[in-house]
Amino acid sequence: MRFSIMFLCTLVYVTIAHTIRVQEKLSAYDILEQYDFPVGILPKGATGYELNSNNGKFTAYLNQTCSFYIHSYELKYKPTIKGVISKDKLAKLKGVSVKVELVWLKIVEVTRIRDKLQFSVLGIASADFGVDNFLESPQCGCGFHCNNLQKIGDVSSI
């Protein structure tokens, strides 16, 4: 009986330790994928994250403020991005804004509807983009077109 209890305690400990190690290895991008989002809604360089799996509060960290263009929109990410994540929905988003004309507007929600991502600003307007536009993470400064900029700047490619 005593051996069985010790064996059971050891088994529980090993299982918990393994679970903690697996969770430590996940990145912010892995978490996005677990909630059915493409990794490209977060720029390259996320240094970490926090997730409260009970209430969905999610925080992602970047080294610095990050901005880049997607289509004709300029996006800006603060070093700390917060929101509440659930399957196919990022709500109460803070730390991400988009420049429309001369005005910066806060993106407050991202919802996935099949193969589209709907970005809502201030809860009153939204824009839809195909999920396939976000399969890779953009890079700060040049977005999704960094390789094109490097080729243009490379004298040997002329």
N, C-alpha and C. Protein backbone atom coordinates (compact mmCIF):
# COMPACT_ATOMS: atom_id res chain seq x y z
N MET A 1 0.83 -1.19 0.00
CA MET A 1 0.00 0.00 0.00
C MET A 1 0.87 1.25 0.00
N ARG A 2 1.86 1.27 0.86
CA ARG A 2 2.76 2.43 0.96
C ARG A 2 3.50 2.64 -0.36
N PHE A 3 3.94 1.56 -0.99
CA PHE A 3 4.63 1.64 -2.28
C PHE A 3 3.70 2.22 -3.34
N SER A 4 2.44 1.82 -3.33
CA SER A 4 1.46 2.31 -4.30
C SER A 4 1.26 3.82 -4.17
N ILE A 5 1.18 4.31 -2.94
CA ILE A 5 1.00 5.74 -2.71
C ILE A 5 2.23 6.51 -3.19
N MET A 6 3.42 5.99 -2.89
CA MET A 6 4.66 6.65 -3.33
C MET A 6 4.75 6.65 -4.84
N PHE A 7 4.38 5.52 -5.45
CA PHE A 7 4.41 5.44 -6.91
C PHE A 7 3.44 6.44 -7.52
N LEU A 8 2.23 6.51 -6.97
CA LEU A 8 1.22 7.43 -7.47
C LEU A 8 1.68 8.88 -7.33
N CYS A 9 2.27 9.23 -6.19
CA CYS A 9 2.78 10.60 -5.97
C CYS A 9 3.89 10.93 -6.97
N THR A 10 4.77 9.99 -7.21
CA THR A 10 5.87 10.20 -8.16
C THR A 10 5.30 10.39 -9.56
N LEU A 11 4.33 9.59 -9.94
CA LEU A 11 3.71 9.69 -11.26
C LEU A 11 3.04 11.06 -11.44
N VAL A 12 2.32 11.52 -10.43
CA VAL A 12 1.66 12.83 -10.49
C VAL A 12 2.71 13.92 -10.62
N TYR A 13 3.77 13.86 -9.84
CA TYR A 13 4.83 14.86 -9.89
C TYR A 13 5.47 14.92 -11.28
N VAL A 14 5.79 13.77 -11.85
CA VAL A 14 6.43 13.72 -13.17
C VAL A 14 5.49 14.29 -14.22
N THR A 15 4.21 13.96 -14.13
CA THR A 15 3.24 14.48 -15.10
C THR A 15 3.13 16.00 -15.01
N ILE A 16 3.05 16.53 -13.80
CA ILE A 16 2.96 17.99 -13.62
C ILE A 16 4.24 18.67 -14.11
N ALA A 17 5.38 18.12 -13.77
CA ALA A 17 6.66 18.70 -14.20
C ALA A 17 6.76 18.71 -15.72
N HIS A 18 6.33 17.63 -16.37
CA HIS A 18 6.36 17.56 -17.82
C HIS A 18 5.43 18.61 -18.43
N THR A 19 4.23 18.75 -17.87
CA THR A 19 3.28 19.74 -18.37
C THR A 19 3.85 21.15 -18.26
N ILE A 20 4.47 21.47 -17.16
CA ILE A 20 5.07 22.79 -16.97
C ILE A 20 6.18 23.02 -17.98
N ARG A 21 7.03 22.02 -18.22
CA ARG A 21 8.11 22.17 -19.20
C ARG A 21 7.55 22.39 -20.59
N VAL A 22 6.50 21.65 -20.97
CA VAL A 22 5.90 21.82 -22.29
C VAL A 22 5.32 23.22 -22.42
N GLN A 23 4.63 23.72 -21.38
CA GLN A 23 4.07 25.06 -21.44
C GLN A 23 5.16 26.11 -21.53
N GLU A 24 6.29 25.91 -20.88
CA GLU A 24 7.38 26.88 -20.94
C GLU A 24 7.97 26.97 -22.34
N LYS A 25 7.91 25.91 -23.11
CA LYS A 25 8.50 25.90 -24.45
C LYS A 25 7.61 26.57 -25.49
N LEU A 26 6.34 26.78 -25.17
CA LEU A 26 5.44 27.41 -26.13
C LEU A 26 5.79 28.89 -26.27
N SER A 27 5.60 29.40 -27.48
CA SER A 27 5.83 30.82 -27.73
C SER A 27 4.48 31.52 -27.83
N ALA A 28 4.51 32.83 -27.89
CA ALA A 28 3.28 33.60 -28.09
C ALA A 28 2.62 33.19 -29.40
N TYR A 29 3.42 32.85 -30.40
CA TYR A 29 2.90 32.43 -31.70
C TYR A 29 2.19 31.08 -31.59
N ASP A 30 2.74 30.19 -30.77
CA ASP A 30 2.10 28.88 -30.53
C ASP A 30 0.73 29.07 -29.88
N ILE A 31 0.66 30.00 -28.95
CA ILE A 31 -0.61 30.27 -28.27
C ILE A 31 -1.63 30.80 -29.27
N LEU A 32 -1.22 31.72 -30.14
CA LEU A 32 -2.15 32.23 -31.15
C LEU A 32 -2.70 31.08 -31.99
N GLU A 33 -1.84 30.17 -32.41
CA GLU A 33 -2.28 29.04 -33.22
C GLU A 33 -3.24 28.14 -32.45
N GLN A 34 -3.02 27.97 -31.16
CA GLN A 34 -3.92 27.14 -30.36
C GLN A 34 -5.34 27.71 -30.34
N TYR A 35 -5.45 29.03 -30.50
CA TYR A 35 -6.76 29.68 -30.51
C TYR A 35 -7.23 29.98 -31.93
N ASP A 36 -6.63 29.32 -32.92
CA ASP A 36 -7.04 29.37 -34.32
C ASP A 36 -6.71 30.68 -35.03
N PHE A 37 -5.65 31.35 -34.57
CA PHE A 37 -5.19 32.56 -35.24
C PHE A 37 -3.88 32.27 -35.97
N PRO A 38 -3.64 32.93 -37.11
CA PRO A 38 -2.35 32.79 -37.77
C PRO A 38 -1.27 33.58 -37.01
N VAL A 39 -0.04 33.10 -37.07
CA VAL A 39 1.06 33.75 -36.32
C VAL A 39 1.31 35.17 -36.78
N GLY A 40 0.94 35.50 -38.01
CA GLY A 40 1.24 36.80 -38.59
C GLY A 40 0.46 37.97 -38.03
N ILE A 41 -0.45 37.74 -37.08
CA ILE A 41 -1.10 38.90 -36.47
C ILE A 41 -0.21 39.51 -35.39
N LEU A 42 0.90 38.85 -35.11
CA LEU A 42 1.89 39.36 -34.16
C LEU A 42 3.22 39.47 -34.90
N PRO A 43 3.89 40.63 -34.85
CA PRO A 43 5.16 40.76 -35.57
C PRO A 43 6.25 39.88 -34.99
N LYS A 44 7.28 39.66 -35.80
CA LYS A 44 8.44 38.89 -35.35
C LYS A 44 9.07 39.57 -34.14
N GLY A 45 9.65 38.76 -33.28
CA GLY A 45 10.39 39.32 -32.17
C GLY A 45 9.66 39.33 -30.85
N ALA A 46 8.55 38.60 -30.75
CA ALA A 46 7.87 38.53 -29.44
C ALA A 46 8.82 37.84 -28.46
N THR A 47 9.04 38.50 -27.33
CA THR A 47 10.01 38.00 -26.35
C THR A 47 9.37 37.13 -25.28
N GLY A 48 8.06 37.13 -25.21
CA GLY A 48 7.38 36.31 -24.22
C GLY A 48 5.90 36.63 -24.18
N TYR A 49 5.22 35.94 -23.29
CA TYR A 49 3.78 36.14 -23.15
C TYR A 49 3.33 35.67 -21.78
N GLU A 50 2.13 36.07 -21.42
CA GLU A 50 1.45 35.56 -20.23
C GLU A 50 0.04 35.18 -20.67
N LEU A 51 -0.46 34.08 -20.16
CA LEU A 51 -1.81 33.64 -20.48
C LEU A 51 -2.47 33.10 -19.22
N ASN A 52 -3.62 33.65 -18.90
CA ASN A 52 -4.43 33.11 -17.82
C ASN A 52 -5.48 32.24 -18.50
N SER A 53 -5.31 30.93 -18.44
CA SER A 53 -6.22 30.04 -19.16
C SER A 53 -7.62 30.01 -18.55
N ASN A 54 -7.77 30.53 -17.34
CA ASN A 54 -9.11 30.56 -16.72
C ASN A 54 -9.99 31.66 -17.32
N ASN A 55 -9.41 32.84 -17.56
CA ASN A 55 -10.23 33.94 -18.07
C ASN A 55 -9.79 34.43 -19.46
N GLY A 56 -8.73 33.84 -20.03
CA GLY A 56 -8.29 34.19 -21.38
C GLY A 56 -7.45 35.45 -21.49
N LYS A 57 -7.10 36.06 -20.35
CA LYS A 57 -6.28 37.27 -20.43
C LYS A 57 -4.91 36.89 -21.00
N PHE A 58 -4.55 37.61 -22.06
CA PHE A 58 -3.34 37.30 -22.82
C PHE A 58 -2.51 38.57 -22.95
N THR A 59 -1.23 38.47 -22.67
CA THR A 59 -0.31 39.59 -22.84
C THR A 59 0.90 39.08 -23.62
N ALA A 60 1.28 39.80 -24.66
CA ALA A 60 2.47 39.47 -25.45
C ALA A 60 3.44 40.63 -25.34
N TYR A 61 4.73 40.31 -25.34
CA TYR A 61 5.76 41.33 -25.15
C TYR A 61 6.68 41.38 -26.37
N LEU A 62 6.99 42.61 -26.79
CA LEU A 62 7.97 42.87 -27.85
C LEU A 62 9.13 43.65 -27.24
N ASN A 63 10.28 43.64 -27.90
CA ASN A 63 11.44 44.39 -27.41
C ASN A 63 11.21 45.90 -27.40
N GLN A 64 10.43 46.37 -28.37
CA GLN A 64 10.24 47.81 -28.56
C GLN A 64 8.95 48.05 -29.33
N THR A 65 8.59 49.31 -29.49
CA THR A 65 7.47 49.66 -30.34
C THR A 65 7.81 49.23 -31.76
N CYS A 66 6.82 48.72 -32.45
CA CYS A 66 7.04 48.15 -33.77
C CYS A 66 6.02 48.73 -34.73
N SER A 67 6.46 49.22 -35.88
CA SER A 67 5.50 49.71 -36.88
C SER A 67 5.92 49.24 -38.27
N PHE A 68 4.93 49.09 -39.12
CA PHE A 68 5.14 48.62 -40.50
C PHE A 68 3.85 48.83 -41.28
N TYR A 69 3.93 48.66 -42.59
CA TYR A 69 2.77 48.82 -43.46
C TYR A 69 2.25 47.46 -43.90
N ILE A 70 0.92 47.34 -43.93
CA ILE A 70 0.24 46.21 -44.53
C ILE A 70 -0.78 46.81 -45.49
N HIS A 71 -0.65 46.45 -46.76
CA HIS A 71 -1.46 47.07 -47.80
C HIS A 71 -1.25 48.58 -47.70
N SER A 72 -2.27 49.35 -47.54
CA SER A 72 -2.09 50.81 -47.45
C SER A 72 -2.21 51.31 -46.01
N TYR A 73 -2.18 50.40 -45.05
CA TYR A 73 -2.34 50.76 -43.65
C TYR A 73 -1.00 50.69 -42.90
N GLU A 74 -0.76 51.66 -42.05
CA GLU A 74 0.40 51.60 -41.17
C GLU A 74 -0.09 51.08 -39.82
N LEU A 75 0.57 50.03 -39.33
CA LEU A 75 0.23 49.45 -38.03
C LEU A 75 1.32 49.76 -37.03
N LYS A 76 0.91 49.93 -35.78
CA LYS A 76 1.88 50.17 -34.72
C LYS A 76 1.53 49.28 -33.53
N TYR A 77 2.54 48.55 -33.05
CA TYR A 77 2.40 47.69 -31.88
C TYR A 77 3.25 48.28 -30.76
N LYS A 78 2.66 48.47 -29.60
CA LYS A 78 3.41 48.89 -28.42
C LYS A 78 4.20 47.69 -27.91
N PRO A 79 5.19 47.92 -27.05
CA PRO A 79 5.98 46.79 -26.51
C PRO A 79 5.15 45.78 -25.71
N THR A 80 4.00 46.22 -25.18
CA THR A 80 3.12 45.30 -24.46
C THR A 80 1.75 45.33 -25.12
N ILE A 81 1.28 44.16 -25.55
CA ILE A 81 -0.02 44.01 -26.18
C ILE A 81 -0.88 43.15 -25.27
N LYS A 82 -2.07 43.63 -24.95
CA LYS A 82 -2.95 42.89 -24.04
C LYS A 82 -4.31 42.67 -24.68
N GLY A 83 -4.96 41.61 -24.24
CA GLY A 83 -6.31 41.34 -24.70
C GLY A 83 -6.86 40.11 -24.01
N VAL A 84 -8.03 39.73 -24.43
CA VAL A 84 -8.66 38.50 -23.93
C VAL A 84 -8.83 37.59 -25.14
N ILE A 85 -8.21 36.42 -25.07
CA ILE A 85 -8.20 35.51 -26.20
C ILE A 85 -9.14 34.33 -25.95
N SER A 86 -9.87 33.99 -26.98
CA SER A 86 -10.69 32.78 -26.99
C SER A 86 -10.65 32.26 -28.43
N LYS A 87 -11.21 31.10 -28.66
CA LYS A 87 -11.15 30.53 -30.00
C LYS A 87 -11.75 31.52 -31.00
N ASP A 88 -10.96 31.89 -31.99
CA ASP A 88 -11.34 32.78 -33.08
C ASP A 88 -11.65 34.22 -32.68
N LYS A 89 -11.25 34.64 -31.47
CA LYS A 89 -11.55 36.01 -31.07
C LYS A 89 -10.50 36.55 -30.10
N LEU A 90 -9.99 37.74 -30.42
CA LEU A 90 -9.14 38.52 -29.53
C LEU A 90 -9.91 39.79 -29.20
N ALA A 91 -10.36 39.93 -27.97
CA ALA A 91 -11.20 41.06 -27.59
C ALA A 91 -10.45 41.95 -26.59
N LYS A 92 -11.01 43.14 -26.35
CA LYS A 92 -10.45 44.09 -25.40
C LYS A 92 -8.96 44.32 -25.65
N LEU A 93 -8.62 44.38 -26.93
CA LEU A 93 -7.22 44.51 -27.35
C LEU A 93 -6.68 45.89 -27.02
N LYS A 94 -5.47 45.93 -26.48
CA LYS A 94 -4.77 47.19 -26.17
C LYS A 94 -3.34 47.06 -26.66
N GLY A 95 -2.84 48.14 -27.25
CA GLY A 95 -1.45 48.16 -27.68
C GLY A 95 -1.24 48.04 -29.17
N VAL A 96 -2.33 47.98 -29.95
CA VAL A 96 -2.22 47.88 -31.41
C VAL A 96 -3.08 48.99 -32.01
N SER A 97 -2.50 49.73 -32.94
CA SER A 97 -3.27 50.79 -33.60
C SER A 97 -2.95 50.83 -35.09
N VAL A 98 -3.84 51.45 -35.83
CA VAL A 98 -3.70 51.56 -37.28
C VAL A 98 -3.88 53.03 -37.67
N LYS A 99 -3.07 53.47 -38.62
CA LYS A 99 -3.17 54.85 -39.10
C LYS A 99 -4.09 54.88 -40.31
N VAL A 100 -5.15 55.65 -40.19
CA VAL A 100 -6.10 55.84 -41.29
C VAL A 100 -6.09 57.32 -41.60
N GLU A 101 -5.67 57.64 -42.82
CA GLU A 101 -5.44 59.03 -43.21
C GLU A 101 -4.39 59.63 -42.28
N LEU A 102 -4.75 60.58 -41.45
CA LEU A 102 -3.79 61.20 -40.54
C LEU A 102 -4.05 60.84 -39.08
N VAL A 103 -4.99 59.94 -38.84
CA VAL A 103 -5.44 59.64 -37.49
C VAL A 103 -5.07 58.21 -37.10
N TRP A 104 -4.54 58.06 -35.88
CA TRP A 104 -4.26 56.73 -35.34
C TRP A 104 -5.50 56.23 -34.61
N LEU A 105 -5.98 55.04 -34.98
CA LEU A 105 -7.14 54.42 -34.34
C LEU A 105 -6.72 53.12 -33.68
N LYS A 106 -7.28 52.85 -32.52
CA LYS A 106 -6.95 51.63 -31.78
C LYS A 106 -7.73 50.45 -32.36
N ILE A 107 -7.00 49.36 -32.60
CA ILE A 107 -7.66 48.11 -32.98
C ILE A 107 -8.07 47.45 -31.67
N VAL A 108 -9.37 47.23 -31.51
CA VAL A 108 -9.88 46.73 -30.22
C VAL A 108 -10.29 45.27 -30.27
N GLU A 109 -10.41 44.72 -31.48
CA GLU A 109 -10.84 43.32 -31.57
C GLU A 109 -10.41 42.73 -32.90
N VAL A 110 -10.04 41.44 -32.86
CA VAL A 110 -9.75 40.68 -34.07
C VAL A 110 -10.58 39.41 -33.97
N THR A 111 -11.37 39.15 -35.00
CA THR A 111 -12.22 37.97 -35.02
C THR A 111 -11.93 37.17 -36.28
N ARG A 112 -11.81 35.86 -36.12
CA ARG A 112 -11.63 35.00 -37.29
C ARG A 112 -12.99 34.43 -37.67
N ILE A 113 -13.34 34.65 -38.93
CA ILE A 113 -14.58 34.10 -39.48
C ILE A 113 -14.18 33.28 -40.70
N ARG A 114 -14.12 31.98 -40.52
CA ARG A 114 -13.64 31.02 -41.53
C ARG A 114 -12.25 31.41 -42.03
N ASP A 115 -12.12 31.87 -43.26
CA ASP A 115 -10.80 32.19 -43.82
C ASP A 115 -10.54 33.70 -43.86
N LYS A 116 -11.27 34.45 -43.05
CA LYS A 116 -11.09 35.91 -42.97
C LYS A 116 -10.78 36.33 -41.54
N LEU A 117 -10.02 37.40 -41.42
CA LEU A 117 -9.80 38.05 -40.13
C LEU A 117 -10.47 39.42 -40.20
N GLN A 118 -11.28 39.69 -39.20
CA GLN A 118 -11.97 40.98 -39.13
C GLN A 118 -11.31 41.80 -38.02
N PHE A 119 -10.74 42.95 -38.40
CA PHE A 119 -10.09 43.86 -37.46
C PHE A 119 -11.05 45.00 -37.17
N SER A 120 -11.42 45.17 -35.90
CA SER A 120 -12.36 46.22 -35.51
C SER A 120 -11.62 47.35 -34.82
N VAL A 121 -11.93 48.57 -35.24
CA VAL A 121 -11.36 49.75 -34.60
C VAL A 121 -12.46 50.46 -33.83
N LEU A 122 -12.17 50.78 -32.59
CA LEU A 122 -13.09 51.49 -31.72
C LEU A 122 -14.48 50.85 -31.64
N GLY A 123 -14.60 49.61 -32.10
CA GLY A 123 -15.88 48.92 -32.03
C GLY A 123 -16.92 49.42 -33.00
N ILE A 124 -16.56 50.37 -33.89
CA ILE A 124 -17.57 50.95 -34.79
C ILE A 124 -17.27 50.67 -36.27
N ALA A 125 -16.04 50.40 -36.60
CA ALA A 125 -15.67 50.14 -37.99
C ALA A 125 -14.76 48.92 -38.03
N SER A 126 -14.74 48.25 -39.17
CA SER A 126 -13.88 47.07 -39.28
C SER A 126 -13.42 46.88 -40.71
N ALA A 127 -12.39 46.09 -40.86
CA ALA A 127 -11.87 45.73 -42.18
C ALA A 127 -11.56 44.25 -42.16
N ASP A 128 -11.85 43.56 -43.25
CA ASP A 128 -11.62 42.13 -43.36
C ASP A 128 -10.43 41.86 -44.26
N PHE A 129 -9.61 40.89 -43.87
CA PHE A 129 -8.47 40.46 -44.66
C PHE A 129 -8.43 38.94 -44.64
N GLY A 130 -7.94 38.34 -45.71
CA GLY A 130 -7.81 36.89 -45.76
C GLY A 130 -6.76 36.40 -44.77
N VAL A 131 -7.04 35.27 -44.14
CA VAL A 131 -6.11 34.67 -43.18
C VAL A 131 -4.77 34.39 -43.86
N ASP A 132 -4.80 34.05 -45.14
CA ASP A 132 -3.55 33.72 -45.84
C ASP A 132 -2.60 34.92 -45.93
N ASN A 133 -3.06 36.12 -45.65
CA ASN A 133 -2.18 37.29 -45.60
C ASN A 133 -1.34 37.32 -44.33
N PHE A 134 -1.65 36.46 -43.37
CA PHE A 134 -1.00 36.50 -42.06
C PHE A 134 -0.36 35.16 -41.68
N LEU A 135 0.01 34.37 -42.66
CA LEU A 135 0.61 33.07 -42.36
C LEU A 135 2.02 33.20 -41.82
N GLU A 136 2.68 34.31 -42.14
CA GLU A 136 4.02 34.59 -41.60
C GLU A 136 3.96 35.90 -40.83
N SER A 137 4.82 36.02 -39.84
CA SER A 137 4.85 37.24 -39.04
C SER A 137 5.59 38.35 -39.77
N PRO A 138 5.03 39.56 -39.75
CA PRO A 138 5.72 40.70 -40.36
C PRO A 138 6.93 41.11 -39.51
N GLN A 139 7.84 41.80 -40.12
CA GLN A 139 9.03 42.29 -39.42
C GLN A 139 8.89 43.78 -39.18
N CYS A 140 9.27 44.23 -38.00
CA CYS A 140 9.19 45.64 -37.68
C CYS A 140 9.98 46.44 -38.72
N GLY A 141 9.38 47.54 -39.16
CA GLY A 141 10.04 48.41 -40.12
C GLY A 141 9.66 48.13 -41.56
N CYS A 142 9.61 46.85 -41.95
CA CYS A 142 9.35 46.55 -43.36
C CYS A 142 8.17 45.60 -43.58
N GLY A 143 7.54 45.15 -42.53
CA GLY A 143 6.34 44.33 -42.66
C GLY A 143 6.60 42.99 -43.32
N PHE A 144 5.82 42.72 -44.37
CA PHE A 144 5.94 41.45 -45.09
C PHE A 144 6.85 41.56 -46.31
N HIS A 145 7.42 42.74 -46.55
CA HIS A 145 8.18 42.97 -47.77
C HIS A 145 9.67 43.17 -47.51
N CYS A 146 10.19 42.62 -46.44
CA CYS A 146 11.60 42.81 -46.09
C CYS A 146 12.53 42.24 -47.14
N ASN A 147 12.22 41.07 -47.66
CA ASN A 147 13.09 40.46 -48.67
C ASN A 147 13.14 41.29 -49.93
N ASN A 148 12.00 41.86 -50.33
CA ASN A 148 11.98 42.72 -51.51
C ASN A 148 12.85 43.96 -51.30
N LEU A 149 12.82 44.54 -50.10
CA LEU A 149 13.65 45.71 -49.82
C LEU A 149 15.12 45.35 -49.84
N GLN A 150 15.48 44.18 -49.33
CA GLN A 150 16.87 43.77 -49.34
C GLN A 150 17.35 43.54 -50.77
N LYS A 151 16.49 42.97 -51.62
CA LYS A 151 16.89 42.73 -53.01
C LYS A 151 17.05 44.05 -53.75
N ILE A 152 16.15 44.99 -53.49
CA ILE A 152 16.25 46.29 -54.15
C ILE A 152 17.51 47.01 -53.72
N GLY A 153 17.85 46.92 -52.45
CA GLY A 153 19.02 47.60 -51.94
C GLY A 153 20.34 46.91 -52.28
N ASP A 154 20.28 45.68 -52.75
CA ASP A 154 21.47 44.91 -53.06
C ASP A 154 21.92 45.24 -54.48
N VAL A 155 23.10 45.84 -54.60
CA VAL A 155 23.61 46.28 -55.90
C VAL A 155 23.79 45.12 -56.86
N SER A 156 24.14 43.94 -56.34
CA SER A 156 24.39 42.79 -57.21
C SER A 156 23.11 42.29 -57.88
N SER A 157 21.95 42.66 -57.37
CA SER A 157 20.69 42.19 -57.99
C SER A 157 20.22 43.11 -59.11
N ILE A 158 20.95 44.23 -59.36
CA ILE A 158 20.55 45.18 -60.41
C ILE A 158 21.10 44.75 -61.74
